[in-house]
Amino acid sequence: RFAQEAPGFTDEQKAGLIAGWEGFIDE
């Protein structure tokens, strides 16, 4: 279970953050 704060992030930025971390977690 992974969580990161994202203050001031738009929904689009949060989606990008999730996609990035998903790739990190894949590796």
PDB file of all heavy atoms in Angstrom:
ATOM      1  N   ARG A   1       0.883  -1.177   0.000  1.00  0.00           N
ATOM      2  CA  ARG A   1       0.000   0.000   0.000  1.00  0.00           C
ATOM      3  C   ARG A   1       0.913   1.217   0.000  1.00  0.00           C
ATOM      4  O   ARG A   1       1.707   1.408   0.907  1.00  0.00           O
ATOM      5  CB  ARG A   1      -0.914  -0.012   1.218  1.00  0.00           C
ATOM      6  CG  ARG A   1      -1.942  -1.140   1.141  1.00  0.00           C
ATOM      7  CD  ARG A   1      -2.967  -1.088   2.256  1.00  0.00           C
ATOM      8  NE  ARG A   1      -3.728   0.144   2.166  1.00  0.00           N
ATOM      9  CZ  ARG A   1      -4.057   0.880   3.233  1.00  0.00           C
ATOM     10  NH1 ARG A   1      -3.714   0.516   4.445  1.00  0.00           N
ATOM     11  NH2 ARG A   1      -4.751   1.986   3.075  1.00  0.00           N
ATOM     12  N   PHE A   2       0.784   2.017  -1.039  1.00  0.00           N
ATOM     13  CA  PHE A   2       1.645   3.171  -1.271  1.00  0.00           C
ATOM     14  C   PHE A   2       0.781   4.424  -1.281  1.00  0.00           C
ATOM     15  O   PHE A   2      -0.288   4.435  -1.900  1.00  0.00           O
ATOM     16  CB  PHE A   2       2.330   3.010  -2.642  1.00  0.00           C
ATOM     17  CG  PHE A   2       3.084   4.216  -3.095  1.00  0.00           C
ATOM     18  CD1 PHE A   2       4.432   4.330  -2.831  1.00  0.00           C
ATOM     19  CD2 PHE A   2       2.444   5.243  -3.772  1.00  0.00           C
ATOM     20  CE1 PHE A   2       5.133   5.463  -3.249  1.00  0.00           C
ATOM     21  CE2 PHE A   2       3.127   6.365  -4.184  1.00  0.00           C
ATOM     22  CZ  PHE A   2       4.479   6.472  -3.922  1.00  0.00           C
ATOM     23  N   ALA A   3       1.227   5.456  -0.612  1.00  0.00           N
ATOM     24  CA  ALA A   3       0.515   6.738  -0.639  1.00  0.00           C
ATOM     25  C   ALA A   3       1.527   7.869  -0.681  1.00  0.00           C
ATOM     26  O   ALA A   3       2.574   7.807  -0.027  1.00  0.00           O
ATOM     27  CB  ALA A   3      -0.380   6.878   0.589  1.00  0.00           C
ATOM     28  N   GLN A   4       1.211   8.894  -1.459  1.00  0.00           N
ATOM     29  CA  GLN A   4       2.051  10.092  -1.516  1.00  0.00           C
ATOM     30  C   GLN A   4       1.170  11.315  -1.463  1.00  0.00           C
ATOM     31  O   GLN A   4       0.146  11.388  -2.145  1.00  0.00           O
ATOM     32  CB  GLN A   4       2.900  10.142  -2.791  1.00  0.00           C
ATOM     33  CG  GLN A   4       3.757  11.410  -2.840  1.00  0.00           C
ATOM     34  CD  GLN A   4       4.613  11.515  -4.078  1.00  0.00           C
ATOM     35  OE1 GLN A   4       5.063  10.525  -4.627  1.00  0.00           O
ATOM     36  NE2 GLN A   4       4.848  12.746  -4.508  1.00  0.00           N
ATOM     37  N   GLU A   5       1.592  12.281  -0.669  1.00  0.00           N
ATOM     38  CA  GLU A   5       0.918  13.576  -0.661  1.00  0.00           C
ATOM     39  C   GLU A   5       1.095  14.227  -2.026  1.00  0.00           C
ATOM     40  O   GLU A   5       2.107  14.025  -2.693  1.00  0.00           O
ATOM     41  CB  GLU A   5       1.537  14.491   0.402  1.00  0.00           C
ATOM     42  CG  GLU A   5       1.357  14.019   1.811  1.00  0.00           C
ATOM     43  CD  GLU A   5       2.109  14.882   2.814  1.00  0.00           C
ATOM     44  OE1 GLU A   5       3.152  15.468   2.455  1.00  0.00           O
ATOM     45  OE2 GLU A   5       1.646  14.950   3.950  1.00  0.00           O
ATOM     46  N   ALA A   6       0.114  15.008  -2.423  1.00  0.00           N
ATOM     47  CA  ALA A   6       0.191  15.712  -3.707  1.00  0.00           C
ATOM     48  C   ALA A   6      -0.498  17.070  -3.575  1.00  0.00           C
ATOM     49  O   ALA A   6      -1.471  17.354  -4.282  1.00  0.00           O
ATOM     50  CB  ALA A   6      -0.439  14.873  -4.809  1.00  0.00           C
ATOM     51  N   PRO A   7      -0.008  17.909  -2.664  1.00  0.00           N
ATOM     52  CA  PRO A   7      -0.668  19.205  -2.446  1.00  0.00           C
ATOM     53  C   PRO A   7      -0.622  20.090  -3.689  1.00  0.00           C
ATOM     54  O   PRO A   7       0.424  20.228  -4.314  1.00  0.00           O
ATOM     55  CB  PRO A   7       0.125  19.819  -1.290  1.00  0.00           C
ATOM     56  CG  PRO A   7       1.451  19.150  -1.328  1.00  0.00           C
ATOM     57  CD  PRO A   7       1.199  17.769  -1.869  1.00  0.00           C
ATOM     58  N   GLY A   8      -1.777  20.626  -4.039  1.00  0.00           N
ATOM     59  CA  GLY A   8      -1.853  21.531  -5.185  1.00  0.00           C
ATOM     60  C   GLY A   8      -1.819  20.840  -6.537  1.00  0.00           C
ATOM     61  O   GLY A   8      -1.831  21.509  -7.566  1.00  0.00           O
ATOM     62  N   PHE A   9      -1.778  19.516  -6.577  1.00  0.00           N
ATOM     63  CA  PHE A   9      -1.748  18.798  -7.843  1.00  0.00           C
ATOM     64  C   PHE A   9      -3.146  18.777  -8.449  1.00  0.00           C
ATOM     65  O   PHE A   9      -4.130  18.583  -7.752  1.00  0.00           O
ATOM     66  CB  PHE A   9      -1.293  17.351  -7.648  1.00  0.00           C
ATOM     67  CG  PHE A   9       0.192  17.164  -7.504  1.00  0.00           C
ATOM     68  CD1 PHE A   9       0.952  17.975  -6.681  1.00  0.00           C
ATOM     69  CD2 PHE A   9       0.837  16.146  -8.182  1.00  0.00           C
ATOM     70  CE1 PHE A   9       2.313  17.793  -6.544  1.00  0.00           C
ATOM     71  CE2 PHE A   9       2.199  15.948  -8.050  1.00  0.00           C
ATOM     72  CZ  PHE A   9       2.940  16.777  -7.230  1.00  0.00           C
ATOM     73  N   THR A  10      -3.208  18.946  -9.766  1.00  0.00           N
ATOM     74  CA  THR A  10      -4.473  18.794 -10.480  1.00  0.00           C
ATOM     75  C   THR A  10      -4.753  17.293 -10.630  1.00  0.00           C
ATOM     76  O   THR A  10      -3.872  16.454 -10.412  1.00  0.00           O
ATOM     77  CB  THR A  10      -4.392  19.415 -11.886  1.00  0.00           C
ATOM     78  OG1 THR A  10      -3.427  18.678 -12.655  1.00  0.00           O
ATOM     79  CG2 THR A  10      -4.006  20.901 -11.825  1.00  0.00           C
ATOM     80  N   ASP A  11      -5.978  16.956 -11.035  1.00  0.00           N
ATOM     81  CA  ASP A  11      -6.301  15.552 -11.281  1.00  0.00           C
ATOM     82  C   ASP A  11      -5.383  14.967 -12.352  1.00  0.00           C
ATOM     83  O   ASP A  11      -4.960  13.814 -12.254  1.00  0.00           O
ATOM     84  CB  ASP A  11      -7.768  15.397 -11.691  1.00  0.00           C
ATOM     85  CG  ASP A  11      -8.723  15.609 -10.520  1.00  0.00           C
ATOM     86  OD1 ASP A  11      -8.270  15.587  -9.346  1.00  0.00           O
ATOM     87  OD2 ASP A  11      -9.926  15.796 -10.778  1.00  0.00           O
ATOM     88  N   GLU A  12      -5.057  15.748 -13.362  1.00  0.00           N
ATOM     89  CA  GLU A  12      -4.168  15.286 -14.428  1.00  0.00           C
ATOM     90  C   GLU A  12      -2.757  15.022 -13.877  1.00  0.00           C
ATOM     91  O   GLU A  12      -2.121  14.013 -14.221  1.00  0.00           O
ATOM     92  CB  GLU A  12      -4.109  16.329 -15.546  1.00  0.00           C
ATOM     93  CG  GLU A  12      -3.294  15.907 -16.739  1.00  0.00           C
ATOM     94  CD  GLU A  12      -3.310  16.934 -17.865  1.00  0.00           C
ATOM     95  OE1 GLU A  12      -4.351  17.594 -18.061  1.00  0.00           O
ATOM     96  OE2 GLU A  12      -2.279  17.065 -18.530  1.00  0.00           O
ATOM     97  N   GLN A  13      -2.282  15.914 -13.023  1.00  0.00           N
ATOM     98  CA  GLN A  13      -0.959  15.718 -12.425  1.00  0.00           C
ATOM     99  C   GLN A  13      -0.952  14.486 -11.508  1.00  0.00           C
ATOM    100  O   GLN A  13       0.015  13.737 -11.491  1.00  0.00           O
ATOM    101  CB  GLN A  13      -0.533  16.961 -11.642  1.00  0.00           C
ATOM    102  CG  GLN A  13      -0.193  18.135 -12.532  1.00  0.00           C
ATOM    103  CD  GLN A  13      -0.008  19.418 -11.746  1.00  0.00           C
ATOM    104  OE1 GLN A  13      -0.768  19.726 -10.820  1.00  0.00           O
ATOM    105  NE2 GLN A  13       1.017  20.183 -12.108  1.00  0.00           N
ATOM    106  N   LYS A  14      -2.039  14.281 -10.776  1.00  0.00           N
ATOM    107  CA  LYS A  14      -2.134  13.091  -9.914  1.00  0.00           C
ATOM    108  C   LYS A  14      -2.130  11.825 -10.766  1.00  0.00           C
ATOM    109  O   LYS A  14      -1.492  10.833 -10.405  1.00  0.00           O
ATOM    110  CB  LYS A  14      -3.387  13.142  -9.044  1.00  0.00           C
ATOM    111  CG  LYS A  14      -3.287  14.137  -7.903  1.00  0.00           C
ATOM    112  CD  LYS A  14      -4.554  14.137  -7.071  1.00  0.00           C
ATOM    113  CE  LYS A  14      -4.479  15.158  -5.959  1.00  0.00           C
ATOM    114  NZ  LYS A  14      -5.703  15.170  -5.144  1.00  0.00           N
ATOM    115  N   ALA A  15      -2.823  11.848 -11.904  1.00  0.00           N
ATOM    116  CA  ALA A  15      -2.833  10.688 -12.797  1.00  0.00           C
ATOM    117  C   ALA A  15      -1.419  10.398 -13.312  1.00  0.00           C
ATOM    118  O   ALA A  15      -1.002   9.237 -13.389  1.00  0.00           O
ATOM    119  CB  ALA A  15      -3.799  10.911 -13.958  1.00  0.00           C
ATOM    120  N   GLY A  16      -0.671  11.438 -13.632  1.00  0.00           N
ATOM    121  CA  GLY A  16       0.714  11.272 -14.073  1.00  0.00           C
ATOM    122  C   GLY A  16       1.600  10.722 -12.966  1.00  0.00           C
ATOM    123  O   GLY A  16       2.478   9.876 -13.203  1.00  0.00           O
ATOM    124  N   LEU A  17       1.366  11.188 -11.748  1.00  0.00           N
ATOM    125  CA  LEU A  17       2.113  10.711 -10.592  1.00  0.00           C
ATOM    126  C   LEU A  17       1.846   9.220 -10.366  1.00  0.00           C
ATOM    127  O   LEU A  17       2.776   8.434 -10.150  1.00  0.00           O
ATOM    128  CB  LEU A  17       1.723  11.536  -9.363  1.00  0.00           C
ATOM    129  CG  LEU A  17       2.540  11.388  -8.098  1.00  0.00           C
ATOM    130  CD1 LEU A  17       4.000  11.747  -8.320  1.00  0.00           C
ATOM    131  CD2 LEU A  17       1.944  12.284  -7.006  1.00  0.00           C
ATOM    132  N   ILE A  18       0.586   8.830 -10.451  1.00  0.00           N
ATOM    133  CA  ILE A  18       0.228   7.417 -10.296  1.00  0.00           C
ATOM    134  C   ILE A  18       0.900   6.583 -11.386  1.00  0.00           C
ATOM    135  O   ILE A  18       1.500   5.536 -11.100  1.00  0.00           O
ATOM    136  CB  ILE A  18      -1.307   7.224 -10.316  1.00  0.00           C
ATOM    137  CG1 ILE A  18      -1.915   7.794  -9.025  1.00  0.00           C
ATOM    138  CG2 ILE A  18      -1.666   5.753 -10.493  1.00  0.00           C
ATOM    139  CD1 ILE A  18      -3.433   7.884  -9.042  1.00  0.00           C
ATOM    140  N   ALA A  19       0.830   7.036 -12.632  1.00  0.00           N
ATOM    141  CA  ALA A  19       1.442   6.288 -13.734  1.00  0.00           C
ATOM    142  C   ALA A  19       2.952   6.138 -13.510  1.00  0.00           C
ATOM    143  O   ALA A  19       3.514   5.067 -13.746  1.00  0.00           O
ATOM    144  CB  ALA A  19       1.160   6.973 -15.064  1.00  0.00           C
ATOM    145  N   GLY A  20       3.584   7.198 -13.057  1.00  0.00           N
ATOM    146  CA  GLY A  20       5.018   7.136 -12.784  1.00  0.00           C
ATOM    147  C   GLY A  20       5.352   6.119 -11.713  1.00  0.00           C
ATOM    148  O   GLY A  20       6.223   5.249 -11.899  1.00  0.00           O
ATOM    149  N   TRP A  21       4.662   6.208 -10.587  1.00  0.00           N
ATOM    150  CA  TRP A  21       4.920   5.271  -9.493  1.00  0.00           C
ATOM    151  C   TRP A  21       4.564   3.838  -9.877  1.00  0.00           C
ATOM    152  O   TRP A  21       5.227   2.894  -9.446  1.00  0.00           O
ATOM    153  CB  TRP A  21       4.191   5.689  -8.218  1.00  0.00           C
ATOM    154  CG  TRP A  21       4.949   6.733  -7.443  1.00  0.00           C
ATOM    155  CD1 TRP A  21       4.612   8.039  -7.273  1.00  0.00           C
ATOM    156  CD2 TRP A  21       6.167   6.544  -6.715  1.00  0.00           C
ATOM    157  NE1 TRP A  21       5.548   8.674  -6.491  1.00  0.00           N
ATOM    158  CE2 TRP A  21       6.513   7.782  -6.137  1.00  0.00           C
ATOM    159  CE3 TRP A  21       7.007   5.455  -6.499  1.00  0.00           C
ATOM    160  CZ2 TRP A  21       7.663   7.961  -5.355  1.00  0.00           C
ATOM    161  CZ3 TRP A  21       8.148   5.632  -5.727  1.00  0.00           C
ATOM    162  CH2 TRP A  21       8.458   6.870  -5.174  1.00  0.00           C
ATOM    163  N   GLU A  22       3.529   3.655 -10.688  1.00  0.00           N
ATOM    164  CA  GLU A  22       3.187   2.298 -11.146  1.00  0.00           C
ATOM    165  C   GLU A  22       4.376   1.697 -11.899  1.00  0.00           C
ATOM    166  O   GLU A  22       4.723   0.526 -11.712  1.00  0.00           O
ATOM    167  CB  GLU A  22       1.941   2.308 -12.038  1.00  0.00           C
ATOM    168  CG  GLU A  22       0.652   2.567 -11.303  1.00  0.00           C
ATOM    169  CD  GLU A  22       0.070   1.343 -10.617  1.00  0.00           C
ATOM    170  OE1 GLU A  22       0.691   0.270 -10.628  1.00  0.00           O
ATOM    171  OE2 GLU A  22      -1.032   1.472 -10.055  1.00  0.00           O
ATOM    172  N   GLY A  23       5.017   2.492 -12.749  1.00  0.00           N
ATOM    173  CA  GLY A  23       6.198   2.023 -13.471  1.00  0.00           C
ATOM    174  C   GLY A  23       7.356   1.722 -12.533  1.00  0.00           C
ATOM    175  O   GLY A  23       8.077   0.734 -12.717  1.00  0.00           O
ATOM    176  N   PHE A  24       7.547   2.561 -11.532  1.00  0.00           N
ATOM    177  CA  PHE A  24       8.603   2.331 -10.542  1.00  0.00           C
ATOM    178  C   PHE A  24       8.343   1.000  -9.833  1.00  0.00           C
ATOM    179  O   PHE A  24       9.242   0.190  -9.641  1.00  0.00           O
ATOM    180  CB  PHE A  24       8.626   3.430  -9.488  1.00  0.00           C
ATOM    181  CG  PHE A  24       9.017   4.809  -9.954  1.00  0.00           C
ATOM    182  CD1 PHE A  24       9.152   5.145 -11.288  1.00  0.00           C
ATOM    183  CD2 PHE A  24       9.231   5.798  -9.023  1.00  0.00           C
ATOM    184  CE1 PHE A  24       9.495   6.430 -11.686  1.00  0.00           C
ATOM    185  CE2 PHE A  24       9.580   7.088  -9.395  1.00  0.00           C
ATOM    186  CZ  PHE A  24       9.717   7.406 -10.731  1.00  0.00           C
ATOM    187  N   ILE A  25       7.087   0.790  -9.409  1.00  0.00           N
ATOM    188  CA  ILE A  25       6.730  -0.412  -8.659  1.00  0.00           C
ATOM    189  C   ILE A  25       6.845  -1.658  -9.539  1.00  0.00           C
ATOM    190  O   ILE A  25       7.227  -2.726  -9.054  1.00  0.00           O
ATOM    191  CB  ILE A  25       5.345  -0.259  -8.002  1.00  0.00           C
ATOM    192  CG1 ILE A  25       5.399   0.859  -6.931  1.00  0.00           C
ATOM    193  CG2 ILE A  25       4.875  -1.574  -7.378  1.00  0.00           C
ATOM    194  CD1 ILE A  25       4.046   1.285  -6.385  1.00  0.00           C
ATOM    195  N   ASP A  26       6.571  -1.517 -10.837  1.00  0.00           N
ATOM    196  CA  ASP A  26       6.786  -2.643 -11.759  1.00  0.00           C
ATOM    197  C   ASP A  26       8.249  -3.101 -11.695  1.00  0.00           C
ATOM    198  O   ASP A  26       8.534  -4.293 -11.614  1.00  0.00           O
ATOM    199  CB  ASP A  26       6.464  -2.251 -13.205  1.00  0.00           C
ATOM    200  CG  ASP A  26       4.983  -2.109 -13.485  1.00  0.00           C
ATOM    201  OD1 ASP A  26       4.152  -2.552 -12.666  1.00  0.00           O
ATOM    202  OD2 ASP A  26       4.657  -1.531 -14.551  1.00  0.00           O
ATOM    203  N   GLU A  27       9.175  -2.146 -11.741  1.00  0.00           N
ATOM    204  CA  GLU A  27      10.599  -2.467 -11.694  1.00  0.00           C
ATOM    205  C   GLU A  27      10.992  -3.013 -10.327  1.00  0.00           C
ATOM    206  O   GLU A  27      11.774  -3.953 -10.218  1.00  0.00           O
ATOM    207  CB  GLU A  27      11.449  -1.240 -12.050  1.00  0.00           C
ATOM    208  CG  GLU A  27      11.289  -0.794 -13.486  1.00  0.00           C
ATOM    209  CD  GLU A  27      11.569  -1.901 -14.484  1.00  0.00           C
ATOM    210  OE1 GLU A  27      12.676  -2.493 -14.438  1.00  0.00           O
ATOM    211  OE2 GLU A  27      10.692  -2.201 -15.312  1.00  0.00           O
TER     212      GLU A  27
END
